[in-house]
Amino acid sequence: MKRFSNFPLLTQTIRFYNHPENLVRTTARNVVLSLAKLREKRLDAFMAGFPFVTYFIHECNFIKEHWTIIENVLHS
């Protein structure tokens, strides 16, 4: 079985993508974006791999849910 690459800071950070506290969510997103700017070869490989790409799926769903709430408020 092939082992996934490991990057502990990102692995722990993506657990907080949908935390109930706004400050925690914002900090998690800032960490992800700050690390994405580094252009490190191993980090890029990790961010393109399986465990991390699920972060983007969850983030898109989170944005979609909030967009729906905003849309409902505007139409009511």
PDB file of N, CA and C in Angstrom:
ATOM      1  N   MET A   1       0.834  -1.188   0.000  1.00  0.00           N
ATOM      2  CA  MET A   1       0.000   0.000   0.000  1.00  0.00           C
ATOM      3  C   MET A   1       0.877   1.250   0.000  1.00  0.00           C
ATOM      4  N   LYS A   2       0.574   2.145  -0.899  1.00  0.00           N
ATOM      5  CA  LYS A   2       1.337   3.379  -0.986  1.00  0.00           C
ATOM      6  C   LYS A   2       0.955   4.304   0.167  1.00  0.00           C
ATOM      7  N   ARG A   3       1.943   4.844   0.815  1.00  0.00           N
ATOM      8  CA  ARG A   3       1.688   5.773   1.919  1.00  0.00           C
ATOM      9  C   ARG A   3       1.527   7.177   1.375  1.00  0.00           C
ATOM     10  N   PHE A   4       0.644   7.942   1.986  1.00  0.00           N
ATOM     11  CA  PHE A   4       0.448   9.331   1.597  1.00  0.00           C
ATOM     12  C   PHE A   4       1.584  10.171   2.153  1.00  0.00           C
ATOM     13  N   SER A   5       1.919  11.230   1.425  1.00  0.00           N
ATOM     14  CA  SER A   5       2.921  12.147   1.949  1.00  0.00           C
ATOM     15  C   SER A   5       2.340  12.829   3.188  1.00  0.00           C
ATOM     16  N   ASN A   6       3.210  13.356   4.012  1.00  0.00           N
ATOM     17  CA  ASN A   6       2.754  13.915   5.277  1.00  0.00           C
ATOM     18  C   ASN A   6       3.327  15.315   5.469  1.00  0.00           C
ATOM     19  N   PHE A   7       2.489  16.228   5.848  1.00  0.00           N
ATOM     20  CA  PHE A   7       2.881  17.582   6.193  1.00  0.00           C
ATOM     21  C   PHE A   7       2.045  17.955   7.409  1.00  0.00           C
ATOM     22  N   PRO A   8       2.595  17.767   8.618  1.00  0.00           N
ATOM     23  CA  PRO A   8       1.797  17.877   9.846  1.00  0.00           C
ATOM     24  C   PRO A   8       1.050  19.199  10.025  1.00  0.00           C
ATOM     25  N   LEU A   9       1.659  20.318   9.681  1.00  0.00           N
ATOM     26  CA  LEU A   9       0.975  21.599   9.874  1.00  0.00           C
ATOM     27  C   LEU A   9      -0.291  21.672   9.024  1.00  0.00           C
ATOM     28  N   LEU A  10      -0.199  21.281   7.768  1.00  0.00           N
ATOM     29  CA  LEU A  10      -1.388  21.295   6.909  1.00  0.00           C
ATOM     30  C   LEU A  10      -2.388  20.226   7.318  1.00  0.00           C
ATOM     31  N   THR A  11      -1.892  19.068   7.705  1.00  0.00           N
ATOM     32  CA  THR A  11      -2.784  17.984   8.113  1.00  0.00           C
ATOM     33  C   THR A  11      -3.656  18.414   9.283  1.00  0.00           C
ATOM     34  N   GLN A  12      -3.072  19.094  10.244  1.00  0.00           N
ATOM     35  CA  GLN A  12      -3.840  19.560  11.394  1.00  0.00           C
ATOM     36  C   GLN A  12      -4.701  20.774  11.051  1.00  0.00           C
ATOM     37  N   THR A  13      -4.215  21.632  10.178  1.00  0.00           N
ATOM     38  CA  THR A  13      -4.941  22.851   9.824  1.00  0.00           C
ATOM     39  C   THR A  13      -6.236  22.538   9.095  1.00  0.00           C
ATOM     40  N   ILE A  14      -6.210  21.585   8.176  1.00  0.00           N
ATOM     41  CA  ILE A  14      -7.412  21.318   7.387  1.00  0.00           C
ATOM     42  C   ILE A  14      -8.541  20.719   8.219  1.00  0.00           C
ATOM     43  N   ARG A  15      -8.218  20.276   9.413  1.00  0.00           N
ATOM     44  CA  ARG A  15      -9.277  19.783  10.300  1.00  0.00           C
ATOM     45  C   ARG A  15     -10.191  20.907  10.777  1.00  0.00           C
ATOM     46  N   PHE A  16      -9.734  22.138  10.682  1.00  0.00           N
ATOM     47  CA  PHE A  16     -10.480  23.275  11.208  1.00  0.00           C
ATOM     48  C   PHE A  16     -11.141  24.117  10.116  1.00  0.00           C
ATOM     49  N   TYR A  17     -11.310  23.569   8.917  1.00  0.00           N
ATOM     50  CA  TYR A  17     -11.873  24.336   7.806  1.00  0.00           C
ATOM     51  C   TYR A  17     -13.294  24.803   8.099  1.00  0.00           C
ATOM     52  N   ASN A  18     -14.046  24.062   8.904  1.00  0.00           N
ATOM     53  CA  ASN A  18     -15.446  24.396   9.158  1.00  0.00           C
ATOM     54  C   ASN A  18     -15.724  24.514  10.656  1.00  0.00           C
ATOM     55  N   HIS A  19     -14.787  25.054  11.382  1.00  0.00           N
ATOM     56  CA  HIS A  19     -14.932  25.207  12.830  1.00  0.00           C
ATOM     57  C   HIS A  19     -16.035  26.214  13.130  1.00  0.00           C
ATOM     58  N   PRO A  20     -16.792  26.025  14.214  1.00  0.00           N
ATOM     59  CA  PRO A  20     -17.881  26.955  14.531  1.00  0.00           C
ATOM     60  C   PRO A  20     -17.414  28.384  14.812  1.00  0.00           C
ATOM     61  N   GLU A  21     -16.191  28.557  15.287  1.00  0.00           N
ATOM     62  CA  GLU A  21     -15.704  29.905  15.593  1.00  0.00           C
ATOM     63  C   GLU A  21     -15.071  30.525  14.357  1.00  0.00           C
ATOM     64  N   ASN A  22     -15.492  31.728  14.056  1.00  0.00           N
ATOM     65  CA  ASN A  22     -15.021  32.432  12.869  1.00  0.00           C
ATOM     66  C   ASN A  22     -13.510  32.651  12.881  1.00  0.00           C
ATOM     67  N   LEU A  23     -12.949  33.002  14.022  1.00  0.00           N
ATOM     68  CA  LEU A  23     -11.517  33.274  14.118  1.00  0.00           C
ATOM     69  C   LEU A  23     -10.691  32.028  13.805  1.00  0.00           C
ATOM     70  N   VAL A  24     -11.151  30.871  14.246  1.00  0.00           N
ATOM     71  CA  VAL A  24     -10.443  29.610  13.986  1.00  0.00           C
ATOM     72  C   VAL A  24     -10.477  29.296  12.495  1.00  0.00           C
ATOM     73  N   ARG A  25     -11.647  29.459  11.857  1.00  0.00           N
ATOM     74  CA  ARG A  25     -11.762  29.219  10.412  1.00  0.00           C
ATOM     75  C   ARG A  25     -10.854  30.157   9.629  1.00  0.00           C
ATOM     76  N   THR A  26     -10.845  31.430  10.005  1.00  0.00           N
ATOM     77  CA  THR A  26     -10.029  32.417   9.314  1.00  0.00           C
ATOM     78  C   THR A  26      -8.545  32.097   9.455  1.00  0.00           C
ATOM     79  N   THR A  27      -8.126  31.712  10.639  1.00  0.00           N
ATOM     80  CA  THR A  27      -6.728  31.375  10.866  1.00  0.00           C
ATOM     81  C   THR A  27      -6.333  30.143  10.057  1.00  0.00           C
ATOM     82  N   ALA A  28      -7.193  29.139  10.011  1.00  0.00           N
ATOM     83  CA  ALA A  28      -6.908  27.942   9.226  1.00  0.00           C
ATOM     84  C   ALA A  28      -6.748  28.287   7.755  1.00  0.00           C
ATOM     85  N   ARG A  29      -7.610  29.141   7.240  1.00  0.00           N
ATOM     86  CA  ARG A  29      -7.504  29.548   5.828  1.00  0.00           C
ATOM     87  C   ARG A  29      -6.242  30.356   5.577  1.00  0.00           C
ATOM     88  N   ASN A  30      -5.879  31.220   6.524  1.00  0.00           N
ATOM     89  CA  ASN A  30      -4.645  31.996   6.366  1.00  0.00           C
ATOM     90  C   ASN A  30      -3.413  31.108   6.353  1.00  0.00           C
ATOM     91  N   VAL A  31      -3.399  30.090   7.192  1.00  0.00           N
ATOM     92  CA  VAL A  31      -2.268  29.154   7.207  1.00  0.00           C
ATOM     93  C   VAL A  31      -2.162  28.444   5.862  1.00  0.00           C
ATOM     94  N   VAL A  32      -3.287  27.959   5.347  1.00  0.00           N
ATOM     95  CA  VAL A  32      -3.281  27.257   4.064  1.00  0.00           C
ATOM     96  C   VAL A  32      -2.792  28.185   2.953  1.00  0.00           C
ATOM     97  N   LEU A  33      -3.313  29.400   2.891  1.00  0.00           N
ATOM     98  CA  LEU A  33      -2.907  30.331   1.842  1.00  0.00           C
ATOM     99  C   LEU A  33      -1.447  30.750   1.977  1.00  0.00           C
ATOM    100  N   SER A  34      -0.977  30.933   3.192  1.00  0.00           N
ATOM    101  CA  SER A  34       0.424  31.309   3.408  1.00  0.00           C
ATOM    102  C   SER A  34       1.366  30.196   2.968  1.00  0.00           C
ATOM    103  N   LEU A  35       1.006  28.971   3.275  1.00  0.00           N
ATOM    104  CA  LEU A  35       1.843  27.849   2.857  1.00  0.00           C
ATOM    105  C   LEU A  35       1.784  27.625   1.350  1.00  0.00           C
ATOM    106  N   ALA A  36       0.654  27.933   0.745  1.00  0.00           N
ATOM    107  CA  ALA A  36       0.518  27.762  -0.701  1.00  0.00           C
ATOM    108  C   ALA A  36       1.428  28.729  -1.465  1.00  0.00           C
ATOM    109  N   LYS A  37       1.763  29.856  -0.867  1.00  0.00           N
ATOM    110  CA  LYS A  37       2.630  30.831  -1.521  1.00  0.00           C
ATOM    111  C   LYS A  37       4.100  30.441  -1.510  1.00  0.00           C
ATOM    112  N   LEU A  38       4.489  29.447  -0.728  1.00  0.00           N
ATOM    113  CA  LEU A  38       5.905  29.139  -0.539  1.00  0.00           C
ATOM    114  C   LEU A  38       6.603  28.563  -1.764  1.00  0.00           C
ATOM    115  N   ARG A  39       5.894  27.856  -2.614  1.00  0.00           N
ATOM    116  CA  ARG A  39       6.465  27.227  -3.806  1.00  0.00           C
ATOM    117  C   ARG A  39       7.595  26.252  -3.469  1.00  0.00           C
ATOM    118  N   GLU A  40       7.353  25.403  -2.511  1.00  0.00           N
ATOM    119  CA  GLU A  40       8.266  24.320  -2.146  1.00  0.00           C
ATOM    120  C   GLU A  40       7.804  23.060  -2.882  1.00  0.00           C
ATOM    121  N   LYS A  41       8.723  22.359  -3.511  1.00  0.00           N
ATOM    122  CA  LYS A  41       8.367  21.216  -4.359  1.00  0.00           C
ATOM    123  C   LYS A  41       7.601  20.134  -3.587  1.00  0.00           C
ATOM    124  N   ARG A  42       8.081  19.758  -2.412  1.00  0.00           N
ATOM    125  CA  ARG A  42       7.395  18.721  -1.631  1.00  0.00           C
ATOM    126  C   ARG A  42       6.044  19.194  -1.124  1.00  0.00           C
ATOM    127  N   LEU A  43       5.961  20.462  -0.756  1.00  0.00           N
ATOM    128  CA  LEU A  43       4.691  21.023  -0.289  1.00  0.00           C
ATOM    129  C   LEU A  43       3.672  21.066  -1.429  1.00  0.00           C
ATOM    130  N   ASP A  44       4.117  21.450  -2.613  1.00  0.00           N
ATOM    131  CA  ASP A  44       3.220  21.452  -3.773  1.00  0.00           C
ATOM    132  C   ASP A  44       2.710  20.043  -4.070  1.00  0.00           C
ATOM    133  N   ALA A  45       3.585  19.062  -3.946  1.00  0.00           N
ATOM    134  CA  ALA A  45       3.170  17.674  -4.187  1.00  0.00           C
ATOM    135  C   ALA A  45       2.138  17.240  -3.155  1.00  0.00           C
ATOM    136  N   PHE A  46       2.320  17.647  -1.906  1.00  0.00           N
ATOM    137  CA  PHE A  46       1.354  17.296  -0.867  1.00  0.00           C
ATOM    138  C   PHE A  46       0.004  17.957  -1.137  1.00  0.00           C
ATOM    139  N   MET A  47       0.025  19.228  -1.523  1.00  0.00           N
ATOM    140  CA  MET A  47      -1.221  19.959  -1.738  1.00  0.00           C
ATOM    141  C   MET A  47      -1.975  19.453  -2.972  1.00  0.00           C
ATOM    142  N   ALA A  48      -1.280  18.794  -3.868  1.00  0.00           N
ATOM    143  CA  ALA A  48      -1.933  18.234  -5.060  1.00  0.00           C
ATOM    144  C   ALA A  48      -2.357  16.788  -4.835  1.00  0.00           C
ATOM    145  N   GLY A  49      -1.994  16.206  -3.698  1.00  0.00           N
ATOM    146  CA  GLY A  49      -2.292  14.806  -3.410  1.00  0.00           C
ATOM    147  C   GLY A  49      -3.631  14.606  -2.732  1.00  0.00           C
ATOM    148  N   PHE A  50      -3.983  13.343  -2.563  1.00  0.00           N
ATOM    149  CA  PHE A  50      -5.308  12.980  -2.062  1.00  0.00           C
ATOM    150  C   PHE A  50      -5.698  13.567  -0.720  1.00  0.00           C
ATOM    151  N   PRO A  51      -4.929  13.397   0.326  1.00  0.00           N
ATOM    152  CA  PRO A  51      -5.484  13.863   1.606  1.00  0.00           C
ATOM    153  C   PRO A  51      -5.808  15.355   1.606  1.00  0.00           C
ATOM    154  N   PHE A  52      -5.010  16.163   0.910  1.00  0.00           N
ATOM    155  CA  PHE A  52      -5.220  17.601   0.989  1.00  0.00           C
ATOM    156  C   PHE A  52      -6.288  18.097   0.031  1.00  0.00           C
ATOM    157  N   VAL A  53      -6.458  17.486  -1.123  1.00  0.00           N
ATOM    158  CA  VAL A  53      -7.431  18.007  -2.087  1.00  0.00           C
ATOM    159  C   VAL A  53      -8.846  17.978  -1.533  1.00  0.00           C
ATOM    160  N   THR A  54      -9.102  17.147  -0.545  1.00  0.00           N
ATOM    161  CA  THR A  54     -10.435  17.146   0.067  1.00  0.00           C
ATOM    162  C   THR A  54     -10.715  18.468   0.772  1.00  0.00           C
ATOM    163  N   TYR A  55      -9.678  19.173   1.194  1.00  0.00           N
ATOM    164  CA  TYR A  55      -9.856  20.496   1.808  1.00  0.00           C
ATOM    165  C   TYR A  55     -10.584  21.430   0.852  1.00  0.00           C
ATOM    166  N   PHE A  56     -10.179  21.437  -0.416  1.00  0.00           N
ATOM    167  CA  PHE A  56     -10.806  22.319  -1.395  1.00  0.00           C
ATOM    168  C   PHE A  56     -12.263  21.957  -1.617  1.00  0.00           C
ATOM    169  N   ILE A  57     -12.580  20.677  -1.599  1.00  0.00           N
ATOM    170  CA  ILE A  57     -13.966  20.239  -1.745  1.00  0.00           C
ATOM    171  C   ILE A  57     -14.804  20.753  -0.575  1.00  0.00           C
ATOM    172  N   HIS A  58     -14.296  20.585   0.630  1.00  0.00           N
ATOM    173  CA  HIS A  58     -15.015  21.053   1.814  1.00  0.00           C
ATOM    174  C   HIS A  58     -15.148  22.571   1.818  1.00  0.00           C
ATOM    175  N   GLU A  59     -14.098  23.258   1.418  1.00  0.00           N
ATOM    176  CA  GLU A  59     -14.135  24.720   1.387  1.00  0.00           C
ATOM    177  C   GLU A  59     -15.169  25.210   0.378  1.00  0.00           C
ATOM    178  N   CYS A  60     -15.227  24.581  -0.782  1.00  0.00           N
ATOM    179  CA  CYS A  60     -16.226  24.964  -1.797  1.00  0.00           C
ATOM    180  C   CYS A  60     -17.645  24.707  -1.302  1.00  0.00           C
ATOM    181  N   ASN A  61     -17.860  23.604  -0.617  1.00  0.00           N
ATOM    182  CA  ASN A  61     -19.190  23.321  -0.063  1.00  0.00           C
ATOM    183  C   ASN A  61     -19.568  24.344   1.007  1.00  0.00           C
ATOM    184  N   PHE A  62     -18.618  24.740   1.823  1.00  0.00           N
ATOM    185  CA  PHE A  62     -18.854  25.742   2.857  1.00  0.00           C
ATOM    186  C   PHE A  62     -19.269  27.070   2.215  1.00  0.00           C
ATOM    187  N   ILE A  63     -18.560  27.468   1.170  1.00  0.00           N
ATOM    188  CA  ILE A  63     -18.888  28.719   0.470  1.00  0.00           C
ATOM    189  C   ILE A  63     -20.255  28.611  -0.188  1.00  0.00           C
ATOM    190  N   LYS A  64     -20.556  27.464  -0.786  1.00  0.00           N
ATOM    191  CA  LYS A  64     -21.845  27.257  -1.441  1.00  0.00           C
ATOM    192  C   LYS A  64     -22.997  27.387  -0.436  1.00  0.00           C
ATOM    193  N   GLU A  65     -22.842  26.789   0.746  1.00  0.00           N
ATOM    194  CA  GLU A  65     -23.878  26.877   1.776  1.00  0.00           C
ATOM    195  C   GLU A  65     -24.121  28.324   2.181  1.00  0.00           C
ATOM    196  N   HIS A  66     -23.055  29.091   2.357  1.00  0.00           N
ATOM    197  CA  HIS A  66     -23.214  30.484   2.747  1.00  0.00           C
ATOM    198  C   HIS A  66     -23.771  31.322   1.609  1.00  0.00           C
ATOM    199  N   TRP A  67     -23.416  31.012   0.389  1.00  0.00           N
ATOM    200  CA  TRP A  67     -23.969  31.729  -0.752  1.00  0.00           C
ATOM    201  C   TRP A  67     -25.479  31.503  -0.835  1.00  0.00           C
ATOM    202  N   THR A  68     -25.920  30.273  -0.560  1.00  0.00           N
ATOM    203  CA  THR A  68     -27.347  29.949  -0.567  1.00  0.00           C
ATOM    204  C   THR A  68     -28.082  30.744   0.513  1.00  0.00           C
ATOM    205  N   ILE A  69     -27.487  30.866   1.679  1.00  0.00           N
ATOM    206  CA  ILE A  69     -28.092  31.641   2.769  1.00  0.00           C
ATOM    207  C   ILE A  69     -28.227  33.113   2.345  1.00  0.00           C
ATOM    208  N   ILE A  70     -27.179  33.661   1.758  1.00  0.00           N
ATOM    209  CA  ILE A  70     -27.218  35.050   1.311  1.00  0.00           C
ATOM    210  C   ILE A  70     -28.283  35.240   0.233  1.00  0.00           C
ATOM    211  N   GLU A  71     -28.355  34.311  -0.694  1.00  0.00           N
ATOM    212  CA  GLU A  71     -29.339  34.382  -1.765  1.00  0.00           C
ATOM    213  C   GLU A  71     -30.759  34.344  -1.214  1.00  0.00           C
ATOM    214  N   ASN A  72     -30.999  33.482  -0.240  1.00  0.00           N
ATOM    215  CA  ASN A  72     -32.334  33.380   0.367  1.00  0.00           C
ATOM    216  C   ASN A  72     -32.713  34.669   1.090  1.00  0.00           C
ATOM    217  N   VAL A  73     -31.764  35.279   1.767  1.00  0.00           N
ATOM    218  CA  VAL A  73     -32.034  36.535   2.470  1.00  0.00           C
ATOM    219  C   VAL A  73     -32.350  37.646   1.465  1.00  0.00           C
ATOM    220  N   LEU A  74     -31.612  37.683   0.370  1.00  0.00           N
ATOM    221  CA  LEU A  74     -31.847  38.723  -0.627  1.00  0.00           C
ATOM    222  C   LEU A  74     -33.188  38.564  -1.338  1.00  0.00           C
ATOM    223  N   HIS A  75     -33.651  37.335  -1.490  1.00  0.00           N
ATOM    224  CA  HIS A  75     -34.915  37.106  -2.176  1.00  0.00           C
ATOM    225  C   HIS A  75     -36.126  37.170  -1.264  1.00  0.00           C
ATOM    226  N   SER A  76     -35.917  37.252   0.020  1.00  0.00           N
ATOM    227  CA  SER A  76     -37.073  37.304   0.932  1.00  0.00           C
ATOM    228  C   SER A  76     -37.400  38.722   1.340  1.00  0.00           C
TER     229      SER A  76
END
